[in-house]
PDB file of N, CA and C in Angstrom:
ATOM      1  N   MET A   1      -4.129   2.460  13.691  1.00  0.00           N
ATOM      2  CA  MET A   1      -3.385   1.236  12.669  1.00  0.00           C
ATOM      3  C   MET A   1      -4.012  -0.100  13.058  1.00  0.00           C
ATOM      4  N   PHE A   2      -4.701  -0.158  14.278  1.00  0.00           N
ATOM      5  CA  PHE A   2      -5.239  -1.181  14.893  1.00  0.00           C
ATOM      6  C   PHE A   2      -6.512  -1.718  13.691  1.00  0.00           C
ATOM      7  N   ALA A   3      -7.130  -0.652  13.300  1.00  0.00           N
ATOM      8  CA  ALA A   3      -8.226  -0.939  12.203  1.00  0.00           C
ATOM      9  C   ALA A   3      -7.766  -1.517  11.046  1.00  0.00           C
ATOM     10  N   THR A   4      -6.690  -0.862  10.611  1.00  0.00           N
ATOM     11  CA  THR A   4      -6.291  -1.352   9.121  1.00  0.00           C
ATOM     12  C   THR A   4      -5.551  -2.818   9.618  1.00  0.00           C
ATOM     13  N   TRP A   5      -5.037  -3.097  10.889  1.00  0.00           N
ATOM     14  CA  TRP A   5      -4.659  -4.522  10.843  1.00  0.00           C
ATOM     15  C   TRP A   5      -5.756  -5.279  10.663  1.00  0.00           C
ATOM     16  N   VAL A   6      -7.026  -4.944  11.462  1.00  0.00           N
ATOM     17  CA  VAL A   6      -8.037  -5.664  11.512  1.00  0.00           C
ATOM     18  C   VAL A   6      -8.669  -5.981  10.061  1.00  0.00           C
ATOM     19  N   ILE A   7      -8.705  -4.966   9.187  1.00  0.00           N
ATOM     20  CA  ILE A   7      -9.355  -5.189   7.782  1.00  0.00           C
ATOM     21  C   ILE A   7      -8.227  -5.567   6.990  1.00  0.00           C
ATOM     22  N   CYS A   8      -7.125  -5.878   7.137  1.00  0.00           N
ATOM     23  CA  CYS A   8      -6.143  -6.693   6.278  1.00  0.00           C
ATOM     24  C   CYS A   8      -6.080  -8.094   6.564  1.00  0.00           C
ATOM     25  N   LYS A   9      -6.417  -8.325   8.058  1.00  0.00           N
ATOM     26  CA  LYS A   9      -6.469  -9.716   8.400  1.00  0.00           C
ATOM     27  C   LYS A   9      -7.646 -10.415   7.792  1.00  0.00           C
ATOM     28  N   ALA A  10      -8.914  -9.710   7.999  1.00  0.00           N
ATOM     29  CA  ALA A  10     -10.202 -10.225   7.363  1.00  0.00           C
ATOM     30  C   ALA A  10     -10.199 -10.527   5.859  1.00  0.00           C
ATOM     31  N   ILE A  11      -9.669  -9.571   5.322  1.00  0.00           N
ATOM     32  CA  ILE A  11      -9.577  -9.228   3.951  1.00  0.00           C
ATOM     33  C   ILE A  11      -8.573 -10.339   3.259  1.00  0.00           C
ATOM     34  N   ASN A  12      -7.539 -10.349   3.755  1.00  0.00           N
ATOM     35  CA  ASN A  12      -6.495 -10.989   3.372  1.00  0.00           C
ATOM     36  C   ASN A  12      -6.123 -10.809   1.909  1.00  0.00           C
ATOM     37  N   PRO A  13      -5.947  -9.727   1.139  1.00  0.00           N
ATOM     38  CA  PRO A  13      -5.814  -9.479  -0.123  1.00  0.00           C
ATOM     39  C   PRO A  13      -4.566  -9.848  -0.477  1.00  0.00           C
ATOM     40  N   GLN A  14      -4.678 -10.171  -2.004  1.00  0.00           N
ATOM     41  CA  GLN A  14      -3.577 -10.455  -2.892  1.00  0.00           C
ATOM     42  C   GLN A  14      -2.840  -9.427  -3.152  1.00  0.00           C
ATOM     43  N   ALA A  15      -3.304  -8.185  -2.935  1.00  0.00           N
ATOM     44  CA  ALA A  15      -2.627  -7.001  -3.621  1.00  0.00           C
ATOM     45  C   ALA A  15      -3.132  -5.869  -2.586  1.00  0.00           C
ATOM     46  N   ILE A  16      -2.025  -4.960  -2.416  1.00  0.00           N
ATOM     47  CA  ILE A  16      -2.528  -3.896  -1.479  1.00  0.00           C
ATOM     48  C   ILE A  16      -1.884  -2.656  -2.340  1.00  0.00           C
ATOM     49  N   VAL A  17      -2.801  -1.623  -2.657  1.00  0.00           N
ATOM     50  CA  VAL A  17      -2.450  -0.290  -2.996  1.00  0.00           C
ATOM     51  C   VAL A  17      -2.875   1.044  -1.900  1.00  0.00           C
ATOM     52  N   GLU A  18      -1.416   1.364  -1.541  1.00  0.00           N
ATOM     53  CA  GLU A  18      -1.417   2.323  -0.713  1.00  0.00           C
ATOM     54  C   GLU A  18      -1.072   3.724  -1.146  1.00  0.00           C
ATOM     55  N   SER A  19      -1.424   4.531  -0.792  1.00  0.00           N
ATOM     56  CA  SER A  19      -1.717   6.061  -1.418  1.00  0.00           C
ATOM     57  C   SER A  19      -1.435   6.848  -0.089  1.00  0.00           C
ATOM     58  N   GLY A  20      -0.093   7.420  -0.119  1.00  0.00           N
ATOM     59  CA  GLY A  20       0.177   8.097   1.115  1.00  0.00           C
ATOM     60  C   GLY A  20       1.358   7.069   1.881  1.00  0.00           C
ATOM     61  N   VAL A  21       2.431   7.643   1.559  1.00  0.00           N
ATOM     62  CA  VAL A  21       3.555   6.413   2.201  1.00  0.00           C
ATOM     63  C   VAL A  21       4.141   7.322   3.943  1.00  0.00           C
ATOM     64  N   TRP A  22       4.381   8.558   3.379  1.00  0.00           N
ATOM     65  CA  TRP A  22       4.954   9.441   4.382  1.00  0.00           C
ATOM     66  C   TRP A  22       6.485   8.696   5.197  1.00  0.00           C
ATOM     67  N   LYS A  23       6.401   7.877   6.315  1.00  0.00           N
ATOM     68  CA  LYS A  23       7.357   7.691   7.079  1.00  0.00           C
ATOM     69  C   LYS A  23       7.386   5.752   6.710  1.00  0.00           C
ATOM     70  N   GLY A  24       6.290   5.487   6.120  1.00  0.00           N
ATOM     71  CA  GLY A  24       6.279   3.896   5.826  1.00  0.00           C
ATOM     72  C   GLY A  24       5.523   2.809   6.718  1.00  0.00           C
ATOM     73  N   GLN A  25       4.905   3.656   7.983  1.00  0.00           N
ATOM     74  CA  GLN A  25       4.355   2.697   8.660  1.00  0.00           C
ATOM     75  C   GLN A  25       3.528   2.094   8.540  1.00  0.00           C
ATOM     76  N   SER A  26       2.374   2.372   7.261  1.00  0.00           N
ATOM     77  CA  SER A  26       1.419   1.474   7.161  1.00  0.00           C
ATOM     78  C   SER A  26       1.928   0.453   5.835  1.00  0.00           C
ATOM     79  N   THR A  27       3.021   0.822   5.303  1.00  0.00           N
ATOM     80  CA  THR A  27       3.632  -0.184   4.304  1.00  0.00           C
ATOM     81  C   THR A  27       4.078  -1.486   5.285  1.00  0.00           C
ATOM     82  N   TRP A  28       4.956  -1.191   6.415  1.00  0.00           N
ATOM     83  CA  TRP A  28       5.398  -2.141   7.246  1.00  0.00           C
ATOM     84  C   TRP A  28       4.412  -2.680   7.754  1.00  0.00           C
ATOM     85  N   LEU A  29       2.976  -2.237   8.259  1.00  0.00           N
ATOM     86  CA  LEU A  29       2.078  -2.901   8.888  1.00  0.00           C
ATOM     87  C   LEU A  29       1.391  -3.818   7.700  1.00  0.00           C
ATOM     88  N   SER A  30       1.124  -3.303   6.707  1.00  0.00           N
ATOM     89  CA  SER A  30       0.674  -4.123   5.374  1.00  0.00           C
ATOM     90  C   SER A  30       1.451  -5.311   5.020  1.00  0.00           C
ATOM     91  N   GLU A  31       2.669  -5.028   4.916  1.00  0.00           N
ATOM     92  CA  GLU A  31       3.384  -6.303   4.351  1.00  0.00           C
ATOM     93  C   GLU A  31       3.563  -7.153   5.753  1.00  0.00           C
ATOM     94  N   THR A  32       3.535  -7.070   6.696  1.00  0.00           N
ATOM     95  CA  THR A  32       3.867  -7.894   7.883  1.00  0.00           C
ATOM     96  C   THR A  32       2.423  -8.475   8.172  1.00  0.00           C
ATOM     97  N   THR A  33       1.372  -7.825   7.794  1.00  0.00           N
ATOM     98  CA  THR A  33      -0.111  -8.553   8.266  1.00  0.00           C
ATOM     99  C   THR A  33      -0.460  -9.391   6.875  1.00  0.00           C
ATOM    100  N   CYS A  34       0.002  -9.190   5.787  1.00  0.00           N
ATOM    101  CA  CYS A  34      -0.326  -9.980   4.491  1.00  0.00           C
ATOM    102  C   CYS A  34       0.762 -10.037   3.703  1.00  0.00           C
ATOM    103  N   PRO A  35       2.005 -10.992   4.416  1.00  0.00           N
ATOM    104  CA  PRO A  35       3.254 -11.063   3.809  1.00  0.00           C
ATOM    105  C   PRO A  35       3.030 -11.745   2.214  1.00  0.00           C
ATOM    106  N   ASN A  36       1.869 -12.026   1.673  1.00  0.00           N
ATOM    107  CA  ASN A  36       1.846 -12.726   0.293  1.00  0.00           C
ATOM    108  C   ASN A  36       1.466 -11.657  -0.470  1.00  0.00           C
ATOM    109  N   ALA A  37       0.850 -10.762  -0.003  1.00  0.00           N
ATOM    110  CA  ALA A  37       0.118  -9.642  -0.987  1.00  0.00           C
ATOM    111  C   ALA A  37       1.485  -8.889  -1.817  1.00  0.00           C
ATOM    112  N   THR A  38       1.014  -8.477  -2.720  1.00  0.00           N
ATOM    113  CA  THR A  38       1.779  -7.512  -3.502  1.00  0.00           C
ATOM    114  C   THR A  38       1.512  -6.110  -3.120  1.00  0.00           C
ATOM    115  N   THR A  39       2.476  -5.481  -2.563  1.00  0.00           N
ATOM    116  CA  THR A  39       2.127  -4.053  -2.143  1.00  0.00           C
ATOM    117  C   THR A  39       2.727  -3.007  -3.267  1.00  0.00           C
ATOM    118  N   HIS A  40       1.874  -1.931  -3.637  1.00  0.00           N
ATOM    119  CA  HIS A  40       1.954  -0.929  -4.483  1.00  0.00           C
ATOM    120  C   HIS A  40       1.993   0.479  -3.502  1.00  0.00           C
ATOM    121  N   CYS A  41       2.953   0.825  -3.562  1.00  0.00           N
ATOM    122  CA  CYS A  41       3.070   2.271  -2.286  1.00  0.00           C
ATOM    123  C   CYS A  41       3.018   3.587  -3.327  1.00  0.00           C
ATOM    124  N   ILE A  42       2.320   4.399  -2.964  1.00  0.00           N
ATOM    125  CA  ILE A  42       2.325   5.553  -3.949  1.00  0.00           C
ATOM    126  C   ILE A  42       2.433   6.808  -3.202  1.00  0.00           C
ATOM    127  N   ASP A  43       3.535   7.916  -3.362  1.00  0.00           N
ATOM    128  CA  ASP A  43       3.555   9.004  -2.714  1.00  0.00           C
ATOM    129  C   ASP A  43       4.445   9.944  -3.675  1.00  0.00           C
ATOM    130  N   LEU A  44       3.934  10.972  -3.901  1.00  0.00           N
ATOM    131  CA  LEU A  44       4.709  12.149  -4.712  1.00  0.00           C
ATOM    132  C   LEU A  44       6.147  12.348  -4.484  1.00  0.00           C
ATOM    133  N   ASP A  45       6.205  12.341  -2.776  1.00  0.00           N
ATOM    134  CA  ASP A  45       7.510  12.608  -2.167  1.00  0.00           C
ATOM    135  C   ASP A  45       7.700  11.501  -0.999  1.00  0.00           C
ATOM    136  N   LEU A  46       8.999  10.641  -1.834  1.00  0.00           N
ATOM    137  CA  LEU A  46       9.379   9.487  -0.859  1.00  0.00           C
ATOM    138  C   LEU A  46      10.586   9.757   0.223  1.00  0.00           C
ATOM    139  N   SER A  47      10.922  10.860   0.236  1.00  0.00           N
ATOM    140  CA  SER A  47      12.148  11.388   1.037  1.00  0.00           C
ATOM    141  C   SER A  47      12.034  11.240   2.310  1.00  0.00           C
ATOM    142  N   ARG A  48      10.624  11.317   2.981  1.00  0.00           N
ATOM    143  CA  ARG A  48      10.518  11.200   4.230  1.00  0.00           C
ATOM    144  C   ARG A  48      10.372   9.555   4.933  1.00  0.00           C
ATOM    145  N   ARG A  49      10.553   8.887   3.973  1.00  0.00           N
ATOM    146  CA  ARG A  49      10.434   7.458   4.285  1.00  0.00           C
ATOM    147  C   ARG A  49      11.466   6.827   5.431  1.00  0.00           C
ATOM    148  N   GLU A  50      11.031   6.250   6.329  1.00  0.00           N
ATOM    149  CA  GLU A  50      11.906   6.016   7.368  1.00  0.00           C
ATOM    150  C   GLU A  50      12.092   4.257   7.383  1.00  0.00           C
ATOM    151  N   TYR A  51      10.792   3.949   6.795  1.00  0.00           N
ATOM    152  CA  TYR A  51      10.736   2.442   6.512  1.00  0.00           C
ATOM    153  C   TYR A  51      10.779   2.074   4.721  1.00  0.00           C
ATOM    154  N   THR A  52      11.612   1.431   4.412  1.00  0.00           N
ATOM    155  CA  THR A  52      11.563   1.130   2.635  1.00  0.00           C
ATOM    156  C   THR A  52      11.296  -0.427   2.827  1.00  0.00           C
ATOM    157  N   SER A  53      10.520  -0.784   2.194  1.00  0.00           N
ATOM    158  CA  SER A  53      10.442  -2.306   2.024  1.00  0.00           C
ATOM    159  C   SER A  53      11.031  -2.737   0.636  1.00  0.00           C
ATOM    160  N   GLU A  54      11.793  -3.945   0.699  1.00  0.00           N
ATOM    161  CA  GLU A  54      12.416  -4.360  -0.253  1.00  0.00           C
ATOM    162  C   GLU A  54      11.349  -4.991  -1.311  1.00  0.00           C
ATOM    163  N   ARG A  55      10.183  -5.540  -0.688  1.00  0.00           N
ATOM    164  CA  ARG A  55       9.362  -6.157  -1.528  1.00  0.00           C
ATOM    165  C   ARG A  55       8.169  -5.169  -2.397  1.00  0.00           C
ATOM    166  N   ALA A  56       8.136  -4.132  -1.500  1.00  0.00           N
ATOM    167  CA  ALA A  56       6.847  -3.077  -2.227  1.00  0.00           C
ATOM    168  C   ALA A  56       7.182  -2.656  -3.522  1.00  0.00           C
ATOM    169  N   VAL A  57       6.622  -2.308  -4.273  1.00  0.00           N
ATOM    170  CA  VAL A  57       6.676  -1.526  -5.667  1.00  0.00           C
ATOM    171  C   VAL A  57       6.386  -0.041  -5.408  1.00  0.00           C
ATOM    172  N   TYR A  58       7.100   0.805  -5.494  1.00  0.00           N
ATOM    173  CA  TYR A  58       6.875   2.312  -5.227  1.00  0.00           C
ATOM    174  C   TYR A  58       6.844   3.183  -6.390  1.00  0.00           C
ATOM    175  N   HIS A  59       5.809   4.224  -6.351  1.00  0.00           N
ATOM    176  CA  HIS A  59       5.129   5.229  -7.448  1.00  0.00           C
ATOM    177  C   HIS A  59       5.411   6.201  -7.237  1.00  0.00           C
ATOM    178  N   THR A  60       5.901   7.429  -7.960  1.00  0.00           N
ATOM    179  CA  THR A  60       6.011   8.464  -7.392  1.00  0.00           C
ATOM    180  C   THR A  60       4.842   9.261  -8.279  1.00  0.00           C
ATOM    181  N   GLU A  61       4.146   8.722  -9.164  1.00  0.00           N
ATOM    182  CA  GLU A  61       3.157   9.558 -10.344  1.00  0.00           C
ATOM    183  C   GLU A  61       1.753   9.648  -9.340  1.00  0.00           C
ATOM    184  N   ASP A  62       0.968  10.415  -9.648  1.00  0.00           N
ATOM    185  CA  ASP A  62      -0.532  10.571  -9.023  1.00  0.00           C
ATOM    186  C   ASP A  62      -1.305   9.207  -9.033  1.00  0.00           C
ATOM    187  N   PHE A  63      -2.123   8.886  -8.403  1.00  0.00           N
ATOM    188  CA  PHE A  63      -3.081   7.739  -8.564  1.00  0.00           C
ATOM    189  C   PHE A  63      -3.660   7.596  -9.964  1.00  0.00           C
ATOM    190  N   CYS A  64      -4.230   8.762 -10.008  1.00  0.00           N
ATOM    191  CA  CYS A  64      -5.164   8.390 -11.375  1.00  0.00           C
ATOM    192  C   CYS A  64      -4.365   8.744 -12.791  1.00  0.00           C
ATOM    193  N   THR A  65      -2.872   8.623 -12.553  1.00  0.00           N
ATOM    194  CA  THR A  65      -2.424   8.481 -13.941  1.00  0.00           C
ATOM    195  C   THR A  65      -1.722   6.807 -13.929  1.00  0.00           C
ATOM    196  N   LEU A  66      -1.781   6.164 -12.911  1.00  0.00           N
ATOM    197  CA  LEU A  66      -1.210   4.822 -12.939  1.00  0.00           C
ATOM    198  C   LEU A  66      -2.285   3.839 -13.543  1.00  0.00           C
ATOM    199  N   ASP A  67      -1.910   2.794 -14.346  1.00  0.00           N
ATOM    200  CA  ASP A  67      -2.757   1.930 -14.615  1.00  0.00           C
ATOM    201  C   ASP A  67      -2.499   0.397 -13.876  1.00  0.00           C
ATOM    202  N   TRP A  68      -3.633  -0.227 -13.699  1.00  0.00           N
ATOM    203  CA  TRP A  68      -3.435  -1.512 -12.820  1.00  0.00           C
ATOM    204  C   TRP A  68      -4.360  -2.533 -13.611  1.00  0.00           C
ATOM    205  N   PRO A  69      -3.771  -2.747 -14.805  1.00  0.00           N
ATOM    206  CA  PRO A  69      -4.497  -4.154 -15.591  1.00  0.00           C
ATOM    207  C   PRO A  69      -4.111  -5.164 -14.918  1.00  0.00           C
ATOM    208  N   ASP A  70      -3.038  -5.654 -14.166  1.00  0.00           N
ATOM    209  CA  ASP A  70      -3.112  -6.884 -13.607  1.00  0.00           C
ATOM    210  C   ASP A  70      -3.404  -7.165 -12.208  1.00  0.00           C
ATOM    211  N   LEU A  71      -3.704  -6.318 -11.577  1.00  0.00           N
ATOM    212  CA  LEU A  71      -4.315  -6.450 -10.113  1.00  0.00           C
ATOM    213  C   LEU A  71      -5.789  -7.171  -9.842  1.00  0.00           C
ATOM    214  N   PRO A  72      -5.858  -7.961  -9.152  1.00  0.00           N
ATOM    215  CA  PRO A  72      -7.403  -8.731  -9.116  1.00  0.00           C
ATOM    216  C   PRO A  72      -8.142  -7.859  -8.646  1.00  0.00           C
ATOM    217  N   ARG A  73      -8.979  -7.365  -9.202  1.00  0.00           N
ATOM    218  CA  ARG A  73     -10.177  -6.337  -8.709  1.00  0.00           C
ATOM    219  C   ARG A  73     -11.180  -7.120  -7.552  1.00  0.00           C
ATOM    220  N   ASP A  74     -11.129  -8.142  -7.222  1.00  0.00           N
ATOM    221  CA  ASP A  74     -11.887  -8.594  -6.345  1.00  0.00           C
ATOM    222  C   ASP A  74     -10.775  -8.881  -4.847  1.00  0.00           C
ATOM    223  N   ARG A  75      -9.693  -8.852  -5.192  1.00  0.00           N
ATOM    224  CA  ARG A  75      -8.879  -9.308  -4.063  1.00  0.00           C
ATOM    225  C   ARG A  75      -7.568  -8.259  -3.897  1.00  0.00           C
ATOM    226  N   THR A  76      -8.086  -6.846  -4.401  1.00  0.00           N
ATOM    227  CA  THR A  76      -7.159  -5.813  -4.005  1.00  0.00           C
ATOM    228  C   THR A  76      -7.702  -4.981  -2.843  1.00  0.00           C
ATOM    229  N   LEU A  77      -6.845  -4.651  -2.056  1.00  0.00           N
ATOM    230  CA  LEU A  77      -7.475  -3.775  -0.813  1.00  0.00           C
ATOM    231  C   LEU A  77      -6.626  -2.162  -1.329  1.00  0.00           C
ATOM    232  N   LEU A  78      -7.579  -1.157  -1.563  1.00  0.00           N
ATOM    233  CA  LEU A  78      -6.941   0.291  -1.733  1.00  0.00           C
ATOM    234  C   LEU A  78      -7.008   1.024  -0.299  1.00  0.00           C
ATOM    235  N   PHE A  79      -5.856   1.380  -0.122  1.00  0.00           N
ATOM    236  CA  PHE A  79      -5.504   2.294   1.264  1.00  0.00           C
ATOM    237  C   PHE A  79      -5.197   3.625   1.216  1.00  0.00           C
ATOM    238  N   PHE A  80      -6.249   4.399   1.254  1.00  0.00           N
ATOM    239  CA  PHE A  80      -5.897   5.910   1.210  1.00  0.00           C
ATOM    240  C   PHE A  80      -5.560   6.930   2.300  1.00  0.00           C
ATOM    241  N   ASP A  81      -4.335   7.340   2.545  1.00  0.00           N
ATOM    242  CA  ASP A  81      -3.881   7.960   3.760  1.00  0.00           C
ATOM    243  C   ASP A  81      -3.156   9.286   3.083  1.00  0.00           C
ATOM    244  N   ASP A  82      -3.403   9.489   2.199  1.00  0.00           N
ATOM    245  CA  ASP A  82      -2.546  10.812   1.652  1.00  0.00           C
ATOM    246  C   ASP A  82      -2.920  12.321   1.932  1.00  0.00           C
ATOM    247  N   HIS A  83      -4.050  12.558   2.610  1.00  0.00           N
ATOM    248  CA  HIS A  83      -4.580  13.826   3.106  1.00  0.00           C
ATOM    249  C   HIS A  83      -4.780  14.819   1.875  1.00  0.00           C
ATOM    250  N   GLN A  84      -5.148  14.352   1.130  1.00  0.00           N
ATOM    251  CA  GLN A  84      -5.478  15.183  -0.297  1.00  0.00           C
ATOM    252  C   GLN A  84      -7.031  15.013  -0.664  1.00  0.00           C
TER     253      GLN A  84
END
């Protein structure tokens, strides 16, 4: 998670798309590190979450079926930790 923190700090994205939520650690880290970023969290099964953000937008669809027309392409960080 240290590497993720360093990347988030360096890039300072406006939006973060996280694929693979599991217990929510990376959601917590990204919103703590980048409090002004919009966070989208994708996981087909959100039942294992121990941390649920009130600010994040959660999706249970597959990444390839989602449409992202409003995300700033040059200021969005994609974080894939879904083991697929």
